[in-house]
Amino acid sequence: MSTETITLRIDAEAALAFRMVSGEEREKLGILLSVWLKEYARSEPASLKKTMDEVSRKAQSRGLTPEILESILKEE
């Protein structure tokens, strides 16, 4: 998979949380963001919330729970 660096403006608390995690966890967060953005790009013009809800619904239908997601993001 080809990757590219982008710059996003986020609030200070989120930026701090991102900087405090390991490189591996940053990579996982990048993968999640990539999935959300690709889903958003493929969807009909809609709000970001609608797109995120759809991604969440699909993930849950495939068995992903908040606990599993947290566990994946905490794995080292």
N, C-alpha and C. Protein backbone atom coordinates (compact mmCIF):
# COMPACT_ATOMS: atom_id res chain seq x y z
N MET A 1 0.84 -1.17 0.00
CA MET A 1 0.00 0.00 0.00
C MET A 1 0.89 1.24 0.00
N SER A 2 0.61 2.12 -0.89
CA SER A 2 1.35 3.38 -0.96
C SER A 2 0.80 4.34 0.08
N THR A 3 1.66 5.07 0.75
CA THR A 3 1.22 6.03 1.76
C THR A 3 1.73 7.42 1.42
N GLU A 4 1.09 8.40 2.03
CA GLU A 4 1.46 9.79 1.82
C GLU A 4 1.23 10.53 3.13
N THR A 5 2.05 11.51 3.42
CA THR A 5 1.91 12.31 4.63
C THR A 5 1.00 13.50 4.35
N ILE A 6 0.05 13.74 5.28
CA ILE A 6 -0.83 14.90 5.18
C ILE A 6 -0.80 15.65 6.50
N THR A 7 -1.28 16.87 6.51
CA THR A 7 -1.36 17.66 7.72
C THR A 7 -2.83 17.91 8.05
N LEU A 8 -3.23 17.65 9.29
CA LEU A 8 -4.59 17.88 9.74
C LEU A 8 -4.58 18.83 10.92
N ARG A 9 -5.55 19.73 10.98
CA ARG A 9 -5.70 20.61 12.13
C ARG A 9 -6.67 19.93 13.10
N ILE A 10 -6.17 19.60 14.30
CA ILE A 10 -6.99 18.98 15.33
C ILE A 10 -6.79 19.75 16.62
N ASP A 11 -7.67 19.52 17.59
CA ASP A 11 -7.54 20.27 18.84
C ASP A 11 -6.31 19.80 19.61
N ALA A 12 -5.87 20.64 20.53
CA ALA A 12 -4.61 20.41 21.26
C ALA A 12 -4.64 19.12 22.06
N GLU A 13 -5.77 18.80 22.67
CA GLU A 13 -5.87 17.58 23.48
C GLU A 13 -5.69 16.33 22.61
N ALA A 14 -6.31 16.32 21.44
CA ALA A 14 -6.18 15.19 20.52
C ALA A 14 -4.74 15.08 20.02
N ALA A 15 -4.12 16.22 19.71
CA ALA A 15 -2.74 16.21 19.24
C ALA A 15 -1.81 15.65 20.30
N LEU A 16 -2.01 16.04 21.55
CA LEU A 16 -1.19 15.54 22.64
C LEU A 16 -1.36 14.03 22.79
N ALA A 17 -2.61 13.57 22.74
CA ALA A 17 -2.87 12.14 22.85
C ALA A 17 -2.17 11.37 21.73
N PHE A 18 -2.21 11.92 20.51
CA PHE A 18 -1.55 11.28 19.37
C PHE A 18 -0.05 11.20 19.58
N ARG A 19 0.55 12.30 20.06
CA ARG A 19 2.00 12.32 20.26
C ARG A 19 2.45 11.37 21.37
N MET A 20 1.56 11.07 22.30
CA MET A 20 1.94 10.24 23.45
C MET A 20 1.91 8.74 23.16
N VAL A 21 1.29 8.33 22.06
CA VAL A 21 1.20 6.90 21.77
C VAL A 21 2.44 6.44 21.00
N SER A 22 2.63 5.14 20.98
CA SER A 22 3.79 4.57 20.29
C SER A 22 3.65 4.73 18.78
N GLY A 23 4.74 4.57 18.09
CA GLY A 23 4.73 4.64 16.64
C GLY A 23 3.79 3.61 16.02
N GLU A 24 3.75 2.44 16.61
CA GLU A 24 2.85 1.39 16.11
C GLU A 24 1.40 1.80 16.27
N GLU A 25 1.06 2.41 17.41
CA GLU A 25 -0.31 2.85 17.62
C GLU A 25 -0.66 4.02 16.69
N ARG A 26 0.31 4.88 16.42
CA ARG A 26 0.09 5.97 15.45
C ARG A 26 -0.24 5.38 14.08
N GLU A 27 0.48 4.33 13.72
CA GLU A 27 0.23 3.68 12.43
C GLU A 27 -1.19 3.13 12.38
N LYS A 28 -1.63 2.51 13.47
CA LYS A 28 -3.00 1.97 13.52
C LYS A 28 -4.03 3.09 13.41
N LEU A 29 -3.78 4.20 14.08
CA LEU A 29 -4.70 5.33 13.98
C LEU A 29 -4.73 5.86 12.55
N GLY A 30 -3.59 5.89 11.90
CA GLY A 30 -3.53 6.32 10.50
C GLY A 30 -4.34 5.40 9.60
N ILE A 31 -4.29 4.10 9.87
CA ILE A 31 -5.07 3.14 9.10
C ILE A 31 -6.56 3.39 9.30
N LEU A 32 -6.97 3.61 10.55
CA LEU A 32 -8.39 3.91 10.81
C LEU A 32 -8.83 5.18 10.09
N LEU A 33 -8.02 6.21 10.14
CA LEU A 33 -8.36 7.45 9.47
C LEU A 33 -8.44 7.23 7.96
N SER A 34 -7.53 6.45 7.41
CA SER A 34 -7.56 6.15 5.98
C SER A 34 -8.86 5.46 5.59
N VAL A 35 -9.30 4.51 6.41
CA VAL A 35 -10.56 3.81 6.14
C VAL A 35 -11.72 4.80 6.16
N TRP A 36 -11.77 5.65 7.17
CA TRP A 36 -12.86 6.64 7.25
C TRP A 36 -12.85 7.57 6.05
N LEU A 37 -11.68 8.06 5.66
CA LEU A 37 -11.61 8.99 4.54
C LEU A 37 -11.97 8.33 3.21
N LYS A 38 -11.53 7.09 3.00
CA LYS A 38 -11.89 6.38 1.77
C LYS A 38 -13.38 6.13 1.71
N GLU A 39 -13.97 5.76 2.83
CA GLU A 39 -15.42 5.53 2.89
C GLU A 39 -16.15 6.84 2.60
N TYR A 40 -15.67 7.92 3.15
CA TYR A 40 -16.25 9.23 2.91
C TYR A 40 -16.18 9.61 1.43
N ALA A 41 -15.04 9.35 0.80
CA ALA A 41 -14.85 9.69 -0.61
C ALA A 41 -15.75 8.86 -1.52
N ARG A 42 -16.05 7.64 -1.12
CA ARG A 42 -16.88 6.75 -1.94
C ARG A 42 -18.37 7.01 -1.77
N SER A 43 -18.73 7.68 -0.71
CA SER A 43 -20.14 7.88 -0.42
C SER A 43 -20.73 9.02 -1.23
N GLU A 44 -22.04 9.03 -1.28
CA GLU A 44 -22.73 10.15 -1.89
C GLU A 44 -22.44 11.37 -1.02
N PRO A 45 -22.60 12.55 -1.56
CA PRO A 45 -22.37 13.73 -0.72
C PRO A 45 -23.20 13.62 0.56
N ALA A 46 -22.50 13.58 1.66
CA ALA A 46 -23.17 13.41 2.96
C ALA A 46 -22.29 14.03 4.03
N SER A 47 -22.86 14.13 5.17
CA SER A 47 -22.09 14.68 6.28
C SER A 47 -21.04 13.67 6.75
N LEU A 48 -19.99 14.19 7.35
CA LEU A 48 -18.95 13.32 7.89
C LEU A 48 -19.53 12.40 8.96
N LYS A 49 -20.44 12.92 9.76
CA LYS A 49 -21.06 12.10 10.81
C LYS A 49 -21.78 10.90 10.20
N LYS A 50 -22.50 11.12 9.12
CA LYS A 50 -23.21 10.01 8.47
C LYS A 50 -22.21 8.96 8.01
N THR A 51 -21.12 9.40 7.42
CA THR A 51 -20.09 8.48 6.94
C THR A 51 -19.47 7.70 8.10
N MET A 52 -19.15 8.41 9.18
CA MET A 52 -18.55 7.73 10.34
C MET A 52 -19.54 6.74 10.95
N ASP A 53 -20.82 7.10 10.99
CA ASP A 53 -21.83 6.18 11.50
C ASP A 53 -21.91 4.91 10.64
N GLU A 54 -21.80 5.09 9.32
CA GLU A 54 -21.85 3.94 8.41
C GLU A 54 -20.63 3.04 8.61
N VAL A 55 -19.45 3.64 8.73
CA VAL A 55 -18.23 2.85 8.98
C VAL A 55 -18.37 2.09 10.29
N SER A 56 -18.87 2.76 11.32
CA SER A 56 -19.08 2.13 12.62
C SER A 56 -20.06 0.97 12.52
N ARG A 57 -21.17 1.20 11.81
CA ARG A 57 -22.19 0.15 11.65
C ARG A 57 -21.59 -1.07 10.95
N LYS A 58 -20.82 -0.85 9.89
CA LYS A 58 -20.20 -1.96 9.17
C LYS A 58 -19.22 -2.71 10.06
N ALA A 59 -18.42 -1.97 10.81
CA ALA A 59 -17.45 -2.61 11.70
C ALA A 59 -18.16 -3.44 12.77
N GLN A 60 -19.23 -2.90 13.34
CA GLN A 60 -19.98 -3.63 14.35
C GLN A 60 -20.65 -4.86 13.77
N SER A 61 -21.16 -4.76 12.54
CA SER A 61 -21.80 -5.92 11.91
C SER A 61 -20.79 -7.03 11.62
N ARG A 62 -19.51 -6.65 11.55
CA ARG A 62 -18.44 -7.63 11.33
C ARG A 62 -17.82 -8.10 12.64
N GLY A 63 -18.43 -7.67 13.77
CA GLY A 63 -17.99 -8.16 15.06
C GLY A 63 -17.07 -7.24 15.84
N LEU A 64 -16.77 -6.06 15.32
CA LEU A 64 -15.89 -5.14 16.04
C LEU A 64 -16.68 -4.42 17.12
N THR A 65 -16.23 -4.55 18.34
CA THR A 65 -16.86 -3.86 19.46
C THR A 65 -15.93 -2.76 19.93
N PRO A 66 -16.44 -1.80 20.71
CA PRO A 66 -15.55 -0.76 21.25
C PRO A 66 -14.40 -1.37 22.05
N GLU A 67 -14.68 -2.45 22.77
CA GLU A 67 -13.64 -3.11 23.57
C GLU A 67 -12.56 -3.72 22.69
N ILE A 68 -12.98 -4.37 21.60
CA ILE A 68 -12.01 -4.98 20.68
C ILE A 68 -11.17 -3.89 20.02
N LEU A 69 -11.82 -2.82 19.59
CA LEU A 69 -11.09 -1.72 18.97
C LEU A 69 -10.06 -1.14 19.94
N GLU A 70 -10.47 -0.93 21.18
CA GLU A 70 -9.54 -0.40 22.18
C GLU A 70 -8.37 -1.35 22.37
N SER A 71 -8.67 -2.66 22.41
CA SER A 71 -7.62 -3.66 22.57
C SER A 71 -6.65 -3.65 21.39
N ILE A 72 -7.17 -3.52 20.18
CA ILE A 72 -6.32 -3.46 18.99
C ILE A 72 -5.42 -2.24 19.05
N LEU A 73 -5.99 -1.11 19.43
CA LEU A 73 -5.20 0.11 19.47
C LEU A 73 -4.16 0.10 20.58
N LYS A 74 -4.39 -0.70 21.64
CA LYS A 74 -3.44 -0.77 22.75
C LYS A 74 -2.38 -1.83 22.56
N GLU A 75 -2.57 -2.74 21.58
CA GLU A 75 -1.59 -3.79 21.34
C GLU A 75 -0.25 -3.18 20.96
N GLU A 76 0.80 -3.83 21.41
CA GLU A 76 2.13 -3.33 21.04
C GLU A 76 2.89 -4.37 20.27
